[in-house]
């Protein structure tokens, strides 16, 4: 168990990833039709155009898993100091961001891909911080 500022950082980064990915994943479930319509247009001229529904399903599963593990892991850190679940949430978060980044690059949305870089760096930092359990 870590003490002091390291534990605070673990809690904060886990909470951030939980909010980020639960909100995004839940939105893809609640407004699947709207997301599919927008993404079909976004990927229409890319090699991924024909597999948008499968991509949305895959990224939704990754986002919900990342958010849930981060949220539960945040609570576990608070009550026991064990960061293992939050660590796995951060690892899945990084994979989710890589998937999103790949999609943006394939759609030639370079500005959208660039926006993901800080999130990826945060996920990598989270992996490092949360491995310190």
C-alpha atoms as a PDB file:
ATOM      1  CA  UNK A   1       0.000   0.000   0.000  1.00  0.00           C
ATOM      2  CA  UNK A   2       1.250   3.429  -0.897  1.00  0.00           C
ATOM      3  CA  UNK A   3       0.695   6.421   1.271  1.00  0.00           C
ATOM      4  CA  UNK A   4       0.101  10.111   0.864  1.00  0.00           C
ATOM      5  CA  UNK A   5       0.339  11.776  -2.485  1.00  0.00           C
ATOM      6  CA  UNK A   6       0.836   8.566  -4.501  1.00  0.00           C
ATOM      7  CA  UNK A   7      -2.464   7.175  -3.220  1.00  0.00           C
ATOM      8  CA  UNK A   8      -4.214  10.462  -3.993  1.00  0.00           C
ATOM      9  CA  UNK A   9      -2.846  10.324  -7.538  1.00  0.00           C
ATOM     10  CA  UNK A  10      -4.047   6.737  -7.932  1.00  0.00           C
ATOM     11  CA  UNK A  11      -7.527   7.698  -6.757  1.00  0.00           C
ATOM     12  CA  UNK A  12      -7.730  10.744  -9.015  1.00  0.00           C
ATOM     13  CA  UNK A  13      -6.478   9.036 -12.162  1.00  0.00           C
ATOM     14  CA  UNK A  14      -8.822   6.088 -11.580  1.00  0.00           C
ATOM     15  CA  UNK A  15     -11.778   8.413 -11.042  1.00  0.00           C
ATOM     16  CA  UNK A  16     -10.919  10.340 -14.216  1.00  0.00           C
ATOM     17  CA  UNK A  17     -10.709   7.193 -16.343  1.00  0.00           C
ATOM     18  CA  UNK A  18     -13.915   5.869 -14.792  1.00  0.00           C
ATOM     19  CA  UNK A  19     -15.830   9.035 -15.680  1.00  0.00           C
ATOM     20  CA  UNK A  20     -14.307   9.272 -19.162  1.00  0.00           C
ATOM     21  CA  UNK A  21     -15.036   5.717 -20.220  1.00  0.00           C
ATOM     22  CA  UNK A  22     -18.312   5.064 -18.408  1.00  0.00           C
ATOM     23  CA  UNK A  23     -19.825   8.223 -19.890  1.00  0.00           C
ATOM     24  CA  UNK A  24     -18.585   7.383 -23.372  1.00  0.00           C
ATOM     25  CA  UNK A  25     -19.581   3.721 -23.214  1.00  0.00           C
ATOM     26  CA  UNK A  26     -23.004   4.412 -21.726  1.00  0.00           C
ATOM     27  CA  UNK A  27     -23.625   7.051 -24.414  1.00  0.00           C
ATOM     28  CA  UNK A  28     -22.847   4.464 -27.092  1.00  0.00           C
ATOM     29  CA  UNK A  29     -25.422   2.132 -25.510  1.00  0.00           C
ATOM     30  CA  UNK A  30     -28.143   4.727 -24.876  1.00  0.00           C
ATOM     31  CA  UNK A  31     -27.759   6.432 -28.278  1.00  0.00           C
ATOM     32  CA  UNK A  32     -26.458   3.545 -30.361  1.00  0.00           C
ATOM     33  CA  UNK A  33     -28.485   4.559 -33.398  1.00  0.00           C
ATOM     34  CA  UNK A  34     -27.205   8.141 -33.324  1.00  0.00           C
ATOM     35  CA  UNK A  35     -23.633   7.017 -32.806  1.00  0.00           C
ATOM     36  CA  UNK A  36     -23.882   4.499 -35.654  1.00  0.00           C
ATOM     37  CA  UNK A  37     -25.331   7.073 -38.036  1.00  0.00           C
ATOM     38  CA  UNK A  38     -22.614   9.606 -37.259  1.00  0.00           C
ATOM     39  CA  UNK A  39     -19.808   7.036 -37.405  1.00  0.00           C
ATOM     40  CA  UNK A  40     -21.044   5.523 -40.678  1.00  0.00           C
ATOM     41  CA  UNK A  41     -20.669   8.971 -42.222  1.00  0.00           C
ATOM     42  CA  UNK A  42     -17.333   9.525 -40.514  1.00  0.00           C
ATOM     43  CA  UNK A  43     -15.898   6.263 -41.852  1.00  0.00           C
ATOM     44  CA  UNK A  44     -17.731   6.236 -45.203  1.00  0.00           C
ATOM     45  CA  UNK A  45     -14.585   6.910 -47.250  1.00  0.00           C
ATOM     46  CA  UNK A  46     -12.253   4.728 -45.169  1.00  0.00           C
ATOM     47  CA  UNK A  47     -11.470   1.015 -45.390  1.00  0.00           C
ATOM     48  CA  UNK A  48     -13.437   0.602 -42.135  1.00  0.00           C
ATOM     49  CA  UNK A  49     -16.720   1.872 -43.585  1.00  0.00           C
ATOM     50  CA  UNK A  50     -18.305  -1.568 -43.843  1.00  0.00           C
ATOM     51  CA  UNK A  51     -17.603  -2.652 -40.269  1.00  0.00           C
ATOM     52  CA  UNK A  52     -18.821   0.338 -38.276  1.00  0.00           C
ATOM     53  CA  UNK A  53     -21.432  -1.614 -36.225  1.00  0.00           C
ATOM     54  CA  UNK A  54     -18.808  -4.190 -35.180  1.00  0.00           C
ATOM     55  CA  UNK A  55     -16.337  -1.424 -34.319  1.00  0.00           C
ATOM     56  CA  UNK A  56     -18.917   0.392 -32.198  1.00  0.00           C
ATOM     57  CA  UNK A  57     -19.729  -2.820 -30.336  1.00  0.00           C
ATOM     58  CA  UNK A  58     -16.039  -3.567 -29.715  1.00  0.00           C
ATOM     59  CA  UNK A  59     -15.182  -0.068 -28.518  1.00  0.00           C
ATOM     60  CA  UNK A  60     -18.299   0.035 -26.334  1.00  0.00           C
ATOM     61  CA  UNK A  61     -17.250  -3.180 -24.599  1.00  0.00           C
ATOM     62  CA  UNK A  62     -13.715  -1.836 -24.084  1.00  0.00           C
ATOM     63  CA  UNK A  63     -14.987   1.492 -22.746  1.00  0.00           C
ATOM     64  CA  UNK A  64     -17.467  -0.067 -20.320  1.00  0.00           C
ATOM     65  CA  UNK A  65     -14.819  -2.524 -19.086  1.00  0.00           C
ATOM     66  CA  UNK A  66     -12.226   0.241 -18.689  1.00  0.00           C
ATOM     67  CA  UNK A  67     -14.673   2.525 -16.893  1.00  0.00           C
ATOM     68  CA  UNK A  68     -16.111  -0.156 -14.616  1.00  0.00           C
ATOM     69  CA  UNK A  69     -12.710  -1.517 -13.581  1.00  0.00           C
ATOM     70  CA  UNK A  70     -11.435   2.022 -13.004  1.00  0.00           C
ATOM     71  CA  UNK A  71     -14.502   2.938 -10.921  1.00  0.00           C
ATOM     72  CA  UNK A  72     -14.468  -0.219  -8.828  1.00  0.00           C
ATOM     73  CA  UNK A  73     -10.682   0.026  -8.562  1.00  0.00           C
ATOM     74  CA  UNK A  74     -10.960   3.601  -7.321  1.00  0.00           C
ATOM     75  CA  UNK A  75     -13.233   2.427  -4.524  1.00  0.00           C
ATOM     76  CA  UNK A  76     -10.918  -0.445  -3.667  1.00  0.00           C
ATOM     77  CA  UNK A  77      -7.957   1.948  -3.444  1.00  0.00           C
ATOM     78  CA  UNK A  78      -9.982   4.159  -1.112  1.00  0.00           C
ATOM     79  CA  UNK A  79     -10.936   1.326   1.219  1.00  0.00           C
ATOM     80  CA  UNK A  80      -7.992  -1.069   1.077  1.00  0.00           C
ATOM     81  CA  UNK A  81      -5.182   0.609  -0.832  1.00  0.00           C
ATOM     82  CA  UNK A  82      -5.021  -2.179  -3.430  1.00  0.00           C
ATOM     83  CA  UNK A  83      -4.705  -0.733  -6.937  1.00  0.00           C
ATOM     84  CA  UNK A  84      -4.825  -3.980  -8.976  1.00  0.00           C
ATOM     85  CA  UNK A  85      -8.346  -3.515 -10.393  1.00  0.00           C
ATOM     86  CA  UNK A  86      -7.691   0.115 -11.246  1.00  0.00           C
ATOM     87  CA  UNK A  87      -4.438  -0.961 -12.938  1.00  0.00           C
ATOM     88  CA  UNK A  88      -6.368  -3.335 -15.209  1.00  0.00           C
ATOM     89  CA  UNK A  89      -8.863  -0.539 -15.893  1.00  0.00           C
ATOM     90  CA  UNK A  90      -5.990   1.714 -16.989  1.00  0.00           C
ATOM     91  CA  UNK A  91      -4.554  -1.000 -19.243  1.00  0.00           C
ATOM     92  CA  UNK A  92      -7.925  -1.524 -20.934  1.00  0.00           C
ATOM     93  CA  UNK A  93      -8.266   2.279 -21.174  1.00  0.00           C
ATOM     94  CA  UNK A  94      -5.000   2.427 -23.115  1.00  0.00           C
ATOM     95  CA  UNK A  95      -6.209  -0.285 -25.498  1.00  0.00           C
ATOM     96  CA  UNK A  96      -9.515   1.563 -25.980  1.00  0.00           C
ATOM     97  CA  UNK A  97      -7.675   4.774 -26.815  1.00  0.00           C
ATOM     98  CA  UNK A  98      -5.425   2.927 -29.268  1.00  0.00           C
ATOM     99  CA  UNK A  99      -8.563   1.583 -30.953  1.00  0.00           C
ATOM    100  CA  UNK A 100     -10.078   5.059 -31.133  1.00  0.00           C
ATOM    101  CA  UNK A 101      -6.786   6.505 -32.396  1.00  0.00           C
ATOM    102  CA  UNK A 102      -6.565   3.835 -35.122  1.00  0.00           C
ATOM    103  CA  UNK A 103     -10.095   4.630 -36.240  1.00  0.00           C
ATOM    104  CA  UNK A 104      -9.454   8.367 -36.387  1.00  0.00           C
ATOM    105  CA  UNK A 105      -6.276   7.856 -38.398  1.00  0.00           C
ATOM    106  CA  UNK A 106      -8.018   5.470 -40.810  1.00  0.00           C
ATOM    107  CA  UNK A 107     -10.791   8.045 -41.289  1.00  0.00           C
ATOM    108  CA  UNK A 108      -8.059  10.640 -41.941  1.00  0.00           C
ATOM    109  CA  UNK A 109      -9.398  12.702 -39.057  1.00  0.00           C
ATOM    110  CA  UNK A 110      -5.970  13.806 -37.927  1.00  0.00           C
ATOM    111  CA  UNK A 111      -7.274  16.529 -35.627  1.00  0.00           C
ATOM    112  CA  UNK A 112      -9.533  13.987 -33.908  1.00  0.00           C
ATOM    113  CA  UNK A 113      -6.606  11.595 -33.547  1.00  0.00           C
ATOM    114  CA  UNK A 114      -4.449  14.352 -32.048  1.00  0.00           C
ATOM    115  CA  UNK A 115      -7.078  15.050 -29.378  1.00  0.00           C
ATOM    116  CA  UNK A 116      -6.631  11.476 -28.127  1.00  0.00           C
ATOM    117  CA  UNK A 117      -2.903  11.862 -27.423  1.00  0.00           C
ATOM    118  CA  UNK A 118      -3.300  13.514 -23.974  1.00  0.00           C
ATOM    119  CA  UNK A 119      -5.781  10.811 -22.950  1.00  0.00           C
ATOM    120  CA  UNK A 120      -3.322   8.134 -24.031  1.00  0.00           C
ATOM    121  CA  UNK A 121      -0.514   9.782 -22.060  1.00  0.00           C
ATOM    122  CA  UNK A 122      -2.797   9.915 -19.036  1.00  0.00           C
ATOM    123  CA  UNK A 123      -3.604   6.213 -19.433  1.00  0.00           C
ATOM    124  CA  UNK A 124       0.107   5.373 -19.659  1.00  0.00           C
ATOM    125  CA  UNK A 125       0.783   7.470 -16.561  1.00  0.00           C
ATOM    126  CA  UNK A 126      -2.077   5.704 -14.794  1.00  0.00           C
ATOM    127  CA  UNK A 127      -0.614   2.312 -15.661  1.00  0.00           C
ATOM    128  CA  UNK A 128       2.689   3.364 -14.153  1.00  0.00           C
ATOM    129  CA  UNK A 129       1.128   4.888 -11.029  1.00  0.00           C
ATOM    130  CA  UNK A 130      -1.241   2.004 -10.429  1.00  0.00           C
ATOM    131  CA  UNK A 131       1.467  -0.636 -10.871  1.00  0.00           C
ATOM    132  CA  UNK A 132       2.944   0.726  -7.642  1.00  0.00           C
ATOM    133  CA  UNK A 133       0.669  -1.360  -5.405  1.00  0.00           C
END
